[in-house]
Protein backbone atom coordinates (compact mmCIF):
# COMPACT_ATOMS: atom_id res chain seq x y z
CA MET A 1 90.75 68.96 152.34
CA GLN A 2 92.64 71.86 150.86
CA GLN A 3 92.00 70.45 147.36
CA LYS A 4 88.32 70.30 147.88
CA HIS A 5 88.50 73.85 149.39
CA SER A 6 90.32 74.96 146.25
CA LYS A 7 87.66 73.27 144.06
CA TYR A 8 84.82 75.07 145.70
CA LEU A 9 86.65 78.45 145.52
CA LYS A 10 87.14 77.96 141.80
CA TRP A 11 83.33 77.29 141.11
CA PHE A 12 82.48 80.26 143.39
CA ALA A 13 84.88 82.54 141.52
CA VAL A 14 83.57 81.53 138.17
CA ALA A 15 80.00 82.16 139.29
CA ALA A 16 80.95 85.65 140.66
CA THR A 17 82.69 86.45 137.39
CA ILE A 18 79.45 85.46 135.36
CA GLY A 19 77.47 87.29 137.82
CA MET A 20 79.46 90.52 137.16
CA LEU A 21 78.96 90.05 133.37
CA LEU A 22 75.22 89.80 133.94
CA ILE A 23 75.54 93.17 135.76
CA LEU A 24 77.20 94.74 132.81
CA LEU A 25 75.00 93.12 130.31
CA GLY A 26 71.84 94.10 132.48
CA GLY A 27 72.99 97.50 132.67
CA ALA A 28 73.47 97.74 128.83
CA LEU A 29 69.85 96.09 128.32
CA VAL A 30 68.48 98.73 130.67
CA THR A 31 69.99 101.52 128.53
CA LYS A 32 69.24 100.01 125.23
CA THR A 33 65.45 99.43 126.11
CA ASP A 34 65.20 102.77 127.70
CA SER A 35 64.07 101.07 131.01
CA GLY A 36 65.97 103.26 133.45
CA LEU A 37 62.96 104.68 134.99
CA GLY A 38 61.03 101.38 134.95
CA CYS A 39 60.77 101.65 138.80
CA GLY A 40 60.07 105.33 138.66
CA ARG A 41 62.13 107.87 140.67
CA ASN A 42 62.38 105.25 143.61
CA TRP A 43 65.28 103.46 144.91
CA PRO A 44 65.79 100.95 146.32
CA ASP A 45 62.08 100.18 146.19
CA CYS A 46 60.16 100.08 142.85
CA ASN A 47 57.36 102.40 142.23
CA GLY A 48 56.66 102.78 145.92
CA SER A 49 56.93 99.14 147.03
CA LEU A 50 59.67 96.67 147.72
CA ILE A 51 58.37 94.22 145.17
CA PRO A 52 56.71 95.88 142.17
CA LYS A 53 52.82 95.41 142.00
CA VAL A 54 52.50 96.05 138.29
CA ILE A 55 54.88 94.37 136.01
CA THR A 56 55.65 95.98 132.68
CA THR A 57 58.49 95.12 130.42
CA GLU A 58 60.38 98.21 131.74
CA VAL A 59 59.69 97.42 135.31
CA LEU A 60 60.89 93.92 134.75
CA ILE A 61 64.19 94.79 133.09
CA GLU A 62 64.93 97.45 135.68
CA PHE A 63 63.96 95.45 138.73
CA SER A 64 65.67 92.31 137.53
CA HIS A 65 68.87 94.35 137.14
CA ARG A 66 68.63 95.61 140.65
CA VAL A 67 68.05 92.13 142.09
CA VAL A 68 71.00 90.64 140.10
CA THR A 69 73.24 93.59 141.26
CA GLY A 70 72.30 92.98 144.85
CA ALA A 71 72.80 89.25 144.79
CA VAL A 72 76.11 89.43 142.83
CA SER A 73 77.40 92.04 145.34
CA ILE A 74 77.07 89.62 148.14
CA PHE A 75 78.78 86.99 146.01
CA ILE A 76 81.67 89.50 145.40
CA LEU A 77 81.94 90.29 149.08
CA ILE A 78 82.17 86.62 149.90
CA LEU A 79 84.75 86.08 147.13
CA THR A 80 86.91 88.88 148.39
CA VAL A 81 86.99 87.67 152.04
CA TRP A 82 87.51 84.02 150.74
CA THR A 83 90.39 84.97 148.63
CA TRP A 84 91.96 87.14 151.31
CA ARG A 85 91.98 84.25 153.68
CA SER A 86 93.11 81.49 151.31
CA LEU A 87 95.37 83.40 148.89
CA GLY A 88 96.19 86.57 150.81
CA HIS A 89 99.94 85.67 150.35
CA ILE A 90 99.58 86.49 146.65
CA ARG A 91 100.45 90.12 146.30
CA GLU A 92 97.58 91.04 143.87
CA VAL A 93 94.84 89.39 145.71
CA LYS A 94 93.94 92.00 148.41
CA PHE A 95 94.36 94.97 145.96
CA LEU A 96 91.92 93.19 143.40
CA GLY A 97 89.45 92.40 146.15
CA PHE A 98 89.40 96.03 147.18
CA LEU A 99 89.00 97.23 143.58
CA ALA A 100 86.07 94.87 143.00
CA MET A 101 84.05 95.87 145.98
CA PHE A 102 84.84 99.81 145.65
CA PHE A 103 83.75 100.04 142.10
CA LEU A 104 80.88 97.62 142.47
CA ILE A 105 79.62 100.06 145.20
CA ALA A 106 80.37 103.07 143.07
CA GLN A 107 78.45 101.89 140.00
CA ALA A 108 75.45 101.09 142.27
CA LEU A 109 75.57 104.59 143.76
CA ILE A 110 75.68 106.12 140.29
CA GLY A 111 72.74 104.12 139.24
CA ALA A 112 70.81 105.11 142.33
CA ALA A 113 71.67 108.77 141.80
CA GLN A 114 70.37 108.49 138.18
CA VAL A 115 67.13 107.15 139.28
CA LEU A 116 66.53 109.63 142.16
CA TRP A 117 67.88 112.80 140.56
CA GLY A 118 68.87 112.10 136.89
CA GLN A 119 72.33 112.62 135.40
CA GLY A 120 73.76 114.02 132.18
CA ASP A 121 74.75 111.71 129.29
CA PHE A 122 78.40 112.30 129.85
CA ILE A 123 78.20 111.19 133.55
CA LEU A 124 75.97 108.26 132.81
CA ALA A 125 78.56 107.07 130.19
CA LEU A 126 80.94 106.55 133.25
CA HIS A 127 78.54 103.95 134.76
CA PHE A 128 79.50 101.21 132.36
CA GLY A 129 83.25 102.01 132.67
CA ILE A 130 83.09 101.77 136.40
CA SER A 131 81.21 98.59 136.38
CA LEU A 132 83.92 97.24 133.98
CA ILE A 133 86.68 97.96 136.44
CA SER A 134 84.89 95.89 139.00
CA PHE A 135 84.32 93.11 136.44
CA ALA A 136 88.12 93.09 135.48
CA ALA A 137 89.15 92.84 139.15
CA VAL A 138 86.84 89.90 139.71
CA LEU A 139 87.92 88.32 136.47
CA LEU A 140 91.52 88.71 137.58
CA LEU A 141 90.83 87.21 141.03
CA THR A 142 89.37 84.23 139.37
CA LEU A 143 92.26 83.69 137.08
CA ILE A 144 94.61 83.91 140.01
CA VAL A 145 92.49 81.19 141.81
CA PHE A 146 92.94 78.87 138.75
CA GLU A 147 96.74 79.82 138.69
CA VAL A 148 97.48 78.42 142.16
CA ASP A 149 97.44 74.70 141.31
CA THR A 150 98.31 74.77 137.55
CA LYS A 151 101.45 74.46 135.70
CA PHE A 152 100.70 77.44 133.37
CA ASP A 153 103.72 79.77 133.09
CA ALA A 154 101.84 82.89 134.17
CA ASP A 155 104.27 83.55 137.01
CA ARG A 156 107.51 82.72 135.10
CA ILE A 157 107.42 85.24 132.20
CA TYR A 158 109.62 87.94 130.74
CA ILE A 159 108.18 90.92 128.89
CA GLY A 160 110.38 93.46 127.15
CA ASP A 161 110.06 97.16 127.62
CA LYS A 162 108.53 97.78 124.24
CA LEU A 163 105.64 95.17 124.87
CA LYS A 164 105.23 96.67 128.33
CA TRP A 165 104.65 100.10 127.31
CA HIS A 166 102.21 98.94 124.49
CA THR A 167 100.37 96.87 126.90
CA ILE A 168 99.89 99.62 129.33
CA GLY A 169 99.08 102.23 126.65
CA VAL A 170 96.61 100.17 124.78
CA THR A 171 94.74 99.17 128.04
CA LEU A 172 94.49 102.76 129.20
CA TYR A 173 93.35 103.66 125.70
CA SER A 174 90.71 100.88 125.65
CA TYR A 175 89.02 102.64 128.54
CA ILE A 176 88.63 105.77 126.35
CA VAL A 177 87.06 103.40 123.67
CA VAL A 178 84.71 102.04 126.25
CA TYR A 179 83.67 105.49 127.34
CA THR A 180 83.03 106.70 123.74
CA GLY A 181 80.97 103.55 123.15
CA ALA A 182 78.84 104.17 126.30
CA LEU A 183 78.39 107.74 125.19
CA VAL A 184 77.04 106.66 121.92
CA ARG A 185 74.37 104.63 123.83
CA HIS A 186 73.52 107.33 126.35
CA THR A 187 73.20 110.05 123.70
CA GLU A 188 71.01 107.72 121.54
CA ALA A 189 73.43 108.25 118.73
CA SER A 190 73.74 104.49 117.74
CA LEU A 191 71.74 104.87 114.50
CA VAL A 192 72.37 108.61 113.72
CA CYS A 193 74.79 107.44 110.92
CA PRO A 194 72.92 105.11 108.56
CA ASP A 195 75.98 103.63 106.85
CA TRP A 196 79.27 101.85 107.70
CA PRO A 197 82.13 102.60 107.98
CA PHE A 198 81.39 106.16 107.07
CA CYS A 199 78.54 108.04 108.35
CA ARG A 200 77.21 108.38 104.82
CA ASN A 201 79.08 106.16 102.35
CA ASP A 202 78.13 108.46 99.54
CA GLU A 203 79.94 111.31 101.34
CA PRO A 204 82.82 109.46 102.83
CA PHE A 205 84.76 112.69 103.99
CA ALA A 206 81.91 114.89 104.93
CA ILE A 207 82.25 116.62 108.29
CA PRO A 208 79.68 115.39 110.89
CA TYR A 209 76.59 117.68 110.88
CA ASN A 210 75.71 117.62 114.63
CA MET A 211 76.98 116.50 118.08
CA TYR A 212 75.45 112.98 117.58
CA GLU A 213 77.21 112.45 114.55
CA TRP A 214 80.53 113.59 116.13
CA VAL A 215 79.97 111.12 119.02
CA GLN A 216 79.19 108.12 116.70
CA MET A 217 82.19 108.87 114.30
CA GLY A 218 84.40 109.66 117.18
CA HIS A 219 83.70 106.12 118.51
CA ARG A 220 84.45 104.58 115.17
CA PHE A 221 87.65 106.30 114.81
CA ALA A 222 88.68 105.22 118.46
CA VAL A 223 87.73 101.75 117.55
CA LEU A 224 89.86 101.94 114.40
CA LEU A 225 92.81 103.01 116.33
CA ILE A 226 92.59 100.24 118.92
CA PHE A 227 92.12 97.77 116.14
CA ILE A 228 95.36 98.88 114.46
CA TRP A 229 97.14 98.89 117.90
CA ILE A 230 96.19 95.54 118.98
CA ALA A 231 96.92 94.11 115.41
CA TYR A 232 100.43 95.62 115.68
CA ILE A 233 101.00 94.29 119.32
CA THR A 234 99.92 90.80 118.28
CA TRP A 235 102.23 90.88 115.22
CA HIS A 236 105.06 91.83 117.67
CA VAL A 237 104.17 88.97 120.10
CA VAL A 238 103.94 86.29 117.47
CA LYS A 239 107.28 87.24 116.11
CA ASN A 240 108.99 87.52 119.46
CA TYR A 241 107.12 85.70 122.19
CA SER A 242 106.13 82.30 120.64
CA ASN A 243 107.93 80.45 123.64
CA GLN A 244 105.67 82.08 126.20
CA ARG A 245 102.22 80.63 125.96
CA VAL A 246 100.30 82.96 128.17
CA ILE A 247 101.71 86.09 126.31
CA TYR A 248 101.30 84.48 122.95
CA TRP A 249 97.82 83.12 123.07
CA GLY A 250 96.63 86.01 125.29
CA TRP A 251 97.42 88.52 122.57
CA ILE A 252 96.12 86.39 119.86
CA THR A 253 92.80 86.02 121.82
CA ALA A 254 92.79 89.87 122.12
CA PHE A 255 93.09 90.37 118.43
CA VAL A 256 90.20 87.74 117.79
CA ILE A 257 88.00 89.57 120.32
CA VAL A 258 88.79 93.20 118.79
CA CYS A 259 87.92 91.84 115.28
CA LEU A 260 84.71 90.39 116.55
CA GLN A 261 84.05 93.72 118.44
CA VAL A 262 84.39 95.56 115.00
CA VAL A 263 81.98 93.15 113.25
CA ALA A 264 79.47 93.54 115.96
CA GLY A 265 79.55 97.22 115.89
CA MET A 266 79.09 97.17 112.09
CA LEU A 267 76.09 94.80 112.53
CA VAL A 268 74.63 97.12 115.19
CA VAL A 269 74.34 99.84 112.52
CA LEU A 270 73.42 97.61 109.50
CA LEU A 271 70.78 95.70 111.50
CA LYS A 272 69.51 98.88 113.09
CA LEU A 273 70.34 98.12 116.75
CA GLN A 274 69.08 94.60 116.90
CA LEU A 275 69.26 93.79 120.68
CA PHE A 276 71.21 90.56 120.61
CA VAL A 277 73.89 92.11 118.49
CA ALA A 278 73.95 95.15 120.68
CA LEU A 279 74.46 92.99 123.81
CA MET A 280 77.10 91.00 122.14
CA HIS A 281 78.82 94.38 121.44
CA SER A 282 78.84 95.12 125.17
CA LEU A 283 79.98 91.54 126.05
CA LEU A 284 82.99 91.49 123.61
CA ILE A 285 84.30 94.91 124.86
CA SER A 286 83.92 93.75 128.61
CA LEU A 287 86.05 90.52 127.70
CA LEU A 288 88.67 92.59 125.87
CA PHE A 289 89.03 95.00 128.61
CA GLY A 290 89.34 92.15 131.17
CA LEU A 291 91.88 90.36 129.02
CA LEU A 292 93.95 93.56 128.63
CA CYS A 293 93.93 93.92 132.44
CA TYR A 294 95.23 90.58 132.92
CA MET A 295 98.04 91.45 130.39
CA ILE A 296 98.78 94.44 132.69
CA LEU A 297 98.95 91.91 135.65
CA LEU A 298 101.53 89.91 133.72
CA VAL A 299 103.60 93.00 132.89
CA SER A 300 103.76 93.67 136.60
CA ARG A 301 105.12 90.17 137.35
CA SER A 302 107.68 90.28 134.50
CA LYS A 303 111.07 89.45 135.73
């Protein structure tokens, strides 16, 4: 019976994690298609009714995002209670459940405030980052659920001080990268620079002309730093941690994701904000942040 119970919990945890990804991508889609006021200045109703009477593209995108957020919120609540009851003896479970619910509610309230009263671009950029913390907490809960009956060495690891501090530092810094990327979207600075990697390749060292170019080039510089940092950490891990699979493959995966993230960012510019590529850009940074948070969890377990 316990094994069946565990199987159902695994499936539910995976569904909740996918649901959180849909919330993240749905929020990015709302921003990229400028559908934030698809339901007017109304919340939680849409244009004065519980179910919109007139369906436009903007209404469909915004209303679907609200429905998915509401449904997934129920999933996260159930997952939190279920893991507390089944795996509450594992020290991280209750804290992660609290984080998932708290930041999920926080992002919903910020979204509602934007609809009802409007917010500045610098405040709105926090919305994606707050959702990302909730996603990371749900992802970590899911990984813990899968750890329980496996022989993976995630609870028998040793991480040296050098890797510990680099892991903490790059994870905190990744949140800054996320914020600068969200700021690029909300200030509509995605295509202010026509070239890549420089704003204008014929003037590679020209100072940005306006705030939008500063935002765009600031984000590119932040991405360059995190790429170099993760590349260095991966080299260090390959050299010193080949006998610890979860550390070894975790950082190799992180390096692959950050490489894909750089390529996706380049394609966003060169393909003029093609929607699929832009959403992949958001998906990759979400996965990278979630993986880095798992590395933090492993640091906390290091003997």
